[in-house]
Amino acid sequence: MNNDILLNLRILASIKINQKIIIENLIIIKIDESYIPSINRYVSGINRYDMIFPICYTYSYIFSYYNIFFKNKINLVDASFDGLLKLKETYKDFEILNTLYDTYIELWKNMKKQELKDSSTQTEKINVKDSSTQTIKIKLPHNLYQLPMF
């Protein structure tokens, strides 16, 4: 699994309202803990639009590889959405971030709802051909999600 994704999720999960973020290496999200964050971002040439790509990258990765990596990290992903909501509050007038949050949280809720539905309707059939041979057929869901592109 991509460690940058886990790092981004942990950072988003820990962010507080009015904390600003900075971006490193185009995809790594960090909390700007400098003494005067606005000057730090101005000097480094970072602005609020720079956060869009790493957020899209992080959640697109989660949605693409959910069944492989993230089924056991649902709490971390939920917490990251709480942080993303705080970030949305911090950047109230940033419409792109608002749209991104609304789109991704809806997709996440639908994925979790589908997961619950699939796990409750999963069926198992056992056909006994003879006393020495059994065939087990299990119906598994294969869901594809179309990710929003920004």
C-alpha atoms as a PDB file:
ATOM      1  CA  MET A   1       0.000   0.000   0.000  1.00  0.00           C
ATOM      2  CA  ASN A   2       1.127   3.535  -0.685  1.00  0.00           C
ATOM      3  CA  ASN A   3       2.445   5.022   2.586  1.00  0.00           C
ATOM      4  CA  ASP A   4       1.715   8.551   1.354  1.00  0.00           C
ATOM      5  CA  ILE A   5      -1.982   7.674   1.349  1.00  0.00           C
ATOM      6  CA  LEU A   6      -1.906   6.504   4.975  1.00  0.00           C
ATOM      7  CA  LEU A   7       0.072   9.582   5.963  1.00  0.00           C
ATOM      8  CA  ASN A   8      -2.447  11.852   4.227  1.00  0.00           C
ATOM      9  CA  LEU A   9      -5.348  10.072   5.924  1.00  0.00           C
ATOM     10  CA  ARG A  10      -3.713  10.460   9.337  1.00  0.00           C
ATOM     11  CA  ILE A  11      -2.981  14.140   8.742  1.00  0.00           C
ATOM     12  CA  LEU A  12      -6.531  14.814   7.572  1.00  0.00           C
ATOM     13  CA  ALA A  13      -7.901  12.890  10.561  1.00  0.00           C
ATOM     14  CA  SER A  14      -5.910  15.043  12.989  1.00  0.00           C
ATOM     15  CA  ILE A  15      -6.541  18.477  11.487  1.00  0.00           C
ATOM     16  CA  LYS A  16      -8.405  21.088  13.522  1.00  0.00           C
ATOM     17  CA  ILE A  17     -10.593  23.953  12.359  1.00  0.00           C
ATOM     18  CA  ASN A  18      -8.522  26.945  11.227  1.00  0.00           C
ATOM     19  CA  GLN A  19      -5.376  24.882  10.701  1.00  0.00           C
ATOM     20  CA  LYS A  20      -3.932  25.393   7.249  1.00  0.00           C
ATOM     21  CA  ILE A  21      -2.171  22.730   5.255  1.00  0.00           C
ATOM     22  CA  ILE A  22       0.861  22.735   3.020  1.00  0.00           C
ATOM     23  CA  ILE A  23       1.773  20.261   0.313  1.00  0.00           C
ATOM     24  CA  GLU A  24       5.105  18.500  -0.143  1.00  0.00           C
ATOM     25  CA  ASN A  25       6.205  16.622  -3.247  1.00  0.00           C
ATOM     26  CA  LEU A  26       2.838  17.340  -4.900  1.00  0.00           C
ATOM     27  CA  ILE A  27       0.978  14.592  -2.983  1.00  0.00           C
ATOM     28  CA  ILE A  28       1.883  14.736   0.720  1.00  0.00           C
ATOM     29  CA  ILE A  29      -0.413  16.735   2.981  1.00  0.00           C
ATOM     30  CA  LYS A  30       1.103  18.369   6.082  1.00  0.00           C
ATOM     31  CA  ILE A  31      -0.288  20.758   8.656  1.00  0.00           C
ATOM     32  CA  ASP A  32       1.372  24.157   8.381  1.00  0.00           C
ATOM     33  CA  GLU A  33       2.784  24.648  11.864  1.00  0.00           C
ATOM     34  CA  SER A  34       4.951  27.632  11.036  1.00  0.00           C
ATOM     35  CA  TYR A  35       4.723  30.722  13.224  1.00  0.00           C
ATOM     36  CA  ILE A  36       2.979  32.752  10.524  1.00  0.00           C
ATOM     37  CA  PRO A  37       1.448  30.227   8.064  1.00  0.00           C
ATOM     38  CA  SER A  38       0.341  32.810   5.513  1.00  0.00           C
ATOM     39  CA  ILE A  39       3.895  34.116   5.101  1.00  0.00           C
ATOM     40  CA  ASN A  40       5.241  30.559   4.864  1.00  0.00           C
ATOM     41  CA  ARG A  41       2.760  29.723   2.094  1.00  0.00           C
ATOM     42  CA  TYR A  42       3.459  33.026   0.296  1.00  0.00           C
ATOM     43  CA  VAL A  43       7.244  32.509   0.361  1.00  0.00           C
ATOM     44  CA  SER A  44       6.942  28.892  -0.805  1.00  0.00           C
ATOM     45  CA  GLY A  45       4.392  29.792  -3.489  1.00  0.00           C
ATOM     46  CA  ILE A  46       1.749  27.446  -2.088  1.00  0.00           C
ATOM     47  CA  ASN A  47      -1.911  28.398  -2.242  1.00  0.00           C
ATOM     48  CA  ARG A  48      -5.226  26.734  -1.486  1.00  0.00           C
ATOM     49  CA  TYR A  49      -5.527  25.304  -5.007  1.00  0.00           C
ATOM     50  CA  ASP A  50      -2.415  23.202  -4.394  1.00  0.00           C
ATOM     51  CA  MET A  51      -4.307  21.069  -1.859  1.00  0.00           C
ATOM     52  CA  ILE A  52      -6.808  19.793  -4.427  1.00  0.00           C
ATOM     53  CA  PHE A  53      -4.528  17.320  -6.188  1.00  0.00           C
ATOM     54  CA  PRO A  54      -3.298  15.480  -3.052  1.00  0.00           C
ATOM     55  CA  ILE A  55      -6.848  15.260  -1.699  1.00  0.00           C
ATOM     56  CA  CYS A  56      -8.118  13.877  -5.027  1.00  0.00           C
ATOM     57  CA  TYR A  57      -5.140  11.532  -5.205  1.00  0.00           C
ATOM     58  CA  THR A  58      -5.755  10.226  -1.684  1.00  0.00           C
ATOM     59  CA  TYR A  59      -9.471   9.567  -2.041  1.00  0.00           C
ATOM     60  CA  SER A  60      -9.216   8.256  -5.599  1.00  0.00           C
ATOM     61  CA  TYR A  61      -6.674   5.735  -4.348  1.00  0.00           C
ATOM     62  CA  ILE A  62      -8.985   4.717  -1.511  1.00  0.00           C
ATOM     63  CA  PHE A  63     -11.972   4.280  -3.811  1.00  0.00           C
ATOM     64  CA  SER A  64      -9.913   2.392  -6.384  1.00  0.00           C
ATOM     65  CA  TYR A  65      -8.285  -0.005  -3.944  1.00  0.00           C
ATOM     66  CA  TYR A  66     -10.958  -0.212  -1.262  1.00  0.00           C
ATOM     67  CA  ASN A  67     -11.426  -3.981  -1.415  1.00  0.00           C
ATOM     68  CA  ILE A  68      -7.690  -4.616  -1.258  1.00  0.00           C
ATOM     69  CA  PHE A  69      -6.431  -2.139   1.325  1.00  0.00           C
ATOM     70  CA  PHE A  70      -9.102  -0.127   3.039  1.00  0.00           C
ATOM     71  CA  LYS A  71     -11.803  -2.481   4.286  1.00  0.00           C
ATOM     72  CA  ASN A  72      -9.920  -2.757   7.566  1.00  0.00           C
ATOM     73  CA  LYS A  73      -9.234   0.995   7.745  1.00  0.00           C
ATOM     74  CA  ILE A  74     -12.805   2.275   7.668  1.00  0.00           C
ATOM     75  CA  ASN A  75     -12.371   4.172  10.966  1.00  0.00           C
ATOM     76  CA  LEU A  76      -9.300   5.997   9.650  1.00  0.00           C
ATOM     77  CA  VAL A  77     -11.064   6.938   6.423  1.00  0.00           C
ATOM     78  CA  ASP A  78     -14.116   8.123   8.431  1.00  0.00           C
ATOM     79  CA  ALA A  79     -11.835  10.231  10.643  1.00  0.00           C
ATOM     80  CA  SER A  80     -10.156  11.697   7.556  1.00  0.00           C
ATOM     81  CA  PHE A  81     -13.556  12.843   6.322  1.00  0.00           C
ATOM     82  CA  ASP A  82     -14.116  14.537   9.696  1.00  0.00           C
ATOM     83  CA  GLY A  83     -10.840  16.365   9.121  1.00  0.00           C
ATOM     84  CA  LEU A  84     -11.790  17.216   5.560  1.00  0.00           C
ATOM     85  CA  LEU A  85     -15.010  18.722   6.923  1.00  0.00           C
ATOM     86  CA  LYS A  86     -12.912  20.856   9.308  1.00  0.00           C
ATOM     87  CA  LEU A  87     -10.753  21.897   6.385  1.00  0.00           C
ATOM     88  CA  LYS A  88     -13.905  22.823   4.498  1.00  0.00           C
ATOM     89  CA  GLU A  89     -14.908  24.991   7.473  1.00  0.00           C
ATOM     90  CA  THR A  90     -11.467  26.622   7.494  1.00  0.00           C
ATOM     91  CA  TYR A  91     -11.703  27.461   3.783  1.00  0.00           C
ATOM     92  CA  LYS A  92     -15.402  28.424   3.805  1.00  0.00           C
ATOM     93  CA  ASP A  93     -15.407  30.253   0.491  1.00  0.00           C
ATOM     94  CA  PHE A  94     -13.338  27.699  -1.398  1.00  0.00           C
ATOM     95  CA  GLU A  95     -16.022  26.226  -3.638  1.00  0.00           C
ATOM     96  CA  ILE A  96     -13.802  23.546  -5.187  1.00  0.00           C
ATOM     97  CA  LEU A  97     -13.045  22.074  -1.755  1.00  0.00           C
ATOM     98  CA  ASN A  98     -16.741  22.213  -0.828  1.00  0.00           C
ATOM     99  CA  THR A  99     -17.690  20.342  -3.984  1.00  0.00           C
ATOM    100  CA  LEU A 100     -14.882  17.853  -3.514  1.00  0.00           C
ATOM    101  CA  TYR A 101     -15.938  17.088   0.051  1.00  0.00           C
ATOM    102  CA  ASP A 102     -19.624  16.750  -0.854  1.00  0.00           C
ATOM    103  CA  THR A 103     -18.844  14.451  -3.775  1.00  0.00           C
ATOM    104  CA  TYR A 104     -16.371  12.232  -1.943  1.00  0.00           C
ATOM    105  CA  ILE A 105     -18.369  11.903   1.273  1.00  0.00           C
ATOM    106  CA  GLU A 106     -21.434  10.870  -0.714  1.00  0.00           C
ATOM    107  CA  LEU A 107     -19.398   8.300  -2.619  1.00  0.00           C
ATOM    108  CA  TRP A 108     -17.883   7.019   0.644  1.00  0.00           C
ATOM    109  CA  LYS A 109     -21.291   6.680   2.290  1.00  0.00           C
ATOM    110  CA  ASN A 110     -22.594   4.798  -0.746  1.00  0.00           C
ATOM    111  CA  MET A 111     -19.592   2.462  -0.714  1.00  0.00           C
ATOM    112  CA  LYS A 112     -20.084   1.671   2.973  1.00  0.00           C
ATOM    113  CA  LYS A 113     -23.828   1.196   2.477  1.00  0.00           C
ATOM    114  CA  GLN A 114     -23.164  -1.128  -0.473  1.00  0.00           C
ATOM    115  CA  GLU A 115     -20.606  -3.035   1.586  1.00  0.00           C
ATOM    116  CA  LEU A 116     -23.160  -3.605   4.349  1.00  0.00           C
ATOM    117  CA  LYS A 117     -25.800  -4.608   1.819  1.00  0.00           C
ATOM    118  CA  ASP A 118     -23.413  -6.993   0.045  1.00  0.00           C
ATOM    119  CA  SER A 119     -22.215  -8.595   3.259  1.00  0.00           C
ATOM    120  CA  SER A 120     -25.772  -9.169   4.482  1.00  0.00           C
ATOM    121  CA  THR A 121     -26.935 -10.681   1.173  1.00  0.00           C
ATOM    122  CA  GLN A 122     -23.827 -12.707   0.439  1.00  0.00           C
ATOM    123  CA  THR A 123     -24.888 -16.251  -0.252  1.00  0.00           C
ATOM    124  CA  GLU A 124     -23.159 -19.539   0.151  1.00  0.00           C
ATOM    125  CA  LYS A 125     -24.259 -22.720  -1.579  1.00  0.00           C
ATOM    126  CA  ILE A 126     -22.930 -26.188  -0.961  1.00  0.00           C
ATOM    127  CA  ASN A 127     -23.647 -28.832  -3.558  1.00  0.00           C
ATOM    128  CA  VAL A 128     -22.780 -32.371  -2.605  1.00  0.00           C
ATOM    129  CA  LYS A 129     -21.952 -34.398  -5.722  1.00  0.00           C
ATOM    130  CA  ASP A 130     -21.106 -37.541  -3.839  1.00  0.00           C
ATOM    131  CA  SER A 131     -19.890 -38.385  -0.374  1.00  0.00           C
ATOM    132  CA  SER A 132     -16.251 -37.503  -1.157  1.00  0.00           C
ATOM    133  CA  THR A 133     -16.593 -34.292  -3.219  1.00  0.00           C
ATOM    134  CA  GLN A 134     -18.108 -30.924  -2.291  1.00  0.00           C
ATOM    135  CA  THR A 135     -18.357 -27.806  -4.384  1.00  0.00           C
ATOM    136  CA  ILE A 136     -18.727 -24.474  -2.663  1.00  0.00           C
ATOM    137  CA  LYS A 137     -19.985 -21.468  -4.606  1.00  0.00           C
ATOM    138  CA  ILE A 138     -19.868 -18.068  -2.990  1.00  0.00           C
ATOM    139  CA  LYS A 139     -21.367 -15.003  -4.597  1.00  0.00           C
ATOM    140  CA  LEU A 140     -18.989 -12.052  -4.188  1.00  0.00           C
ATOM    141  CA  PRO A 141     -19.790  -8.472  -5.143  1.00  0.00           C
ATOM    142  CA  HIS A 142     -17.701  -6.730  -7.753  1.00  0.00           C
ATOM    143  CA  ASN A 143     -18.487  -3.045  -7.650  1.00  0.00           C
ATOM    144  CA  LEU A 144     -16.961  -0.361  -9.791  1.00  0.00           C
ATOM    145  CA  TYR A 145     -17.190   3.277  -8.866  1.00  0.00           C
ATOM    146  CA  GLN A 146     -16.788   6.188 -11.221  1.00  0.00           C
ATOM    147  CA  LEU A 147     -14.590   8.777  -9.559  1.00  0.00           C
ATOM    148  CA  PRO A 148     -15.203  12.475 -10.025  1.00  0.00           C
ATOM    149  CA  MET A 149     -12.431  14.196 -11.933  1.00  0.00           C
ATOM    150  CA  PHE A 150     -11.477  17.762 -11.111  1.00  0.00           C
END
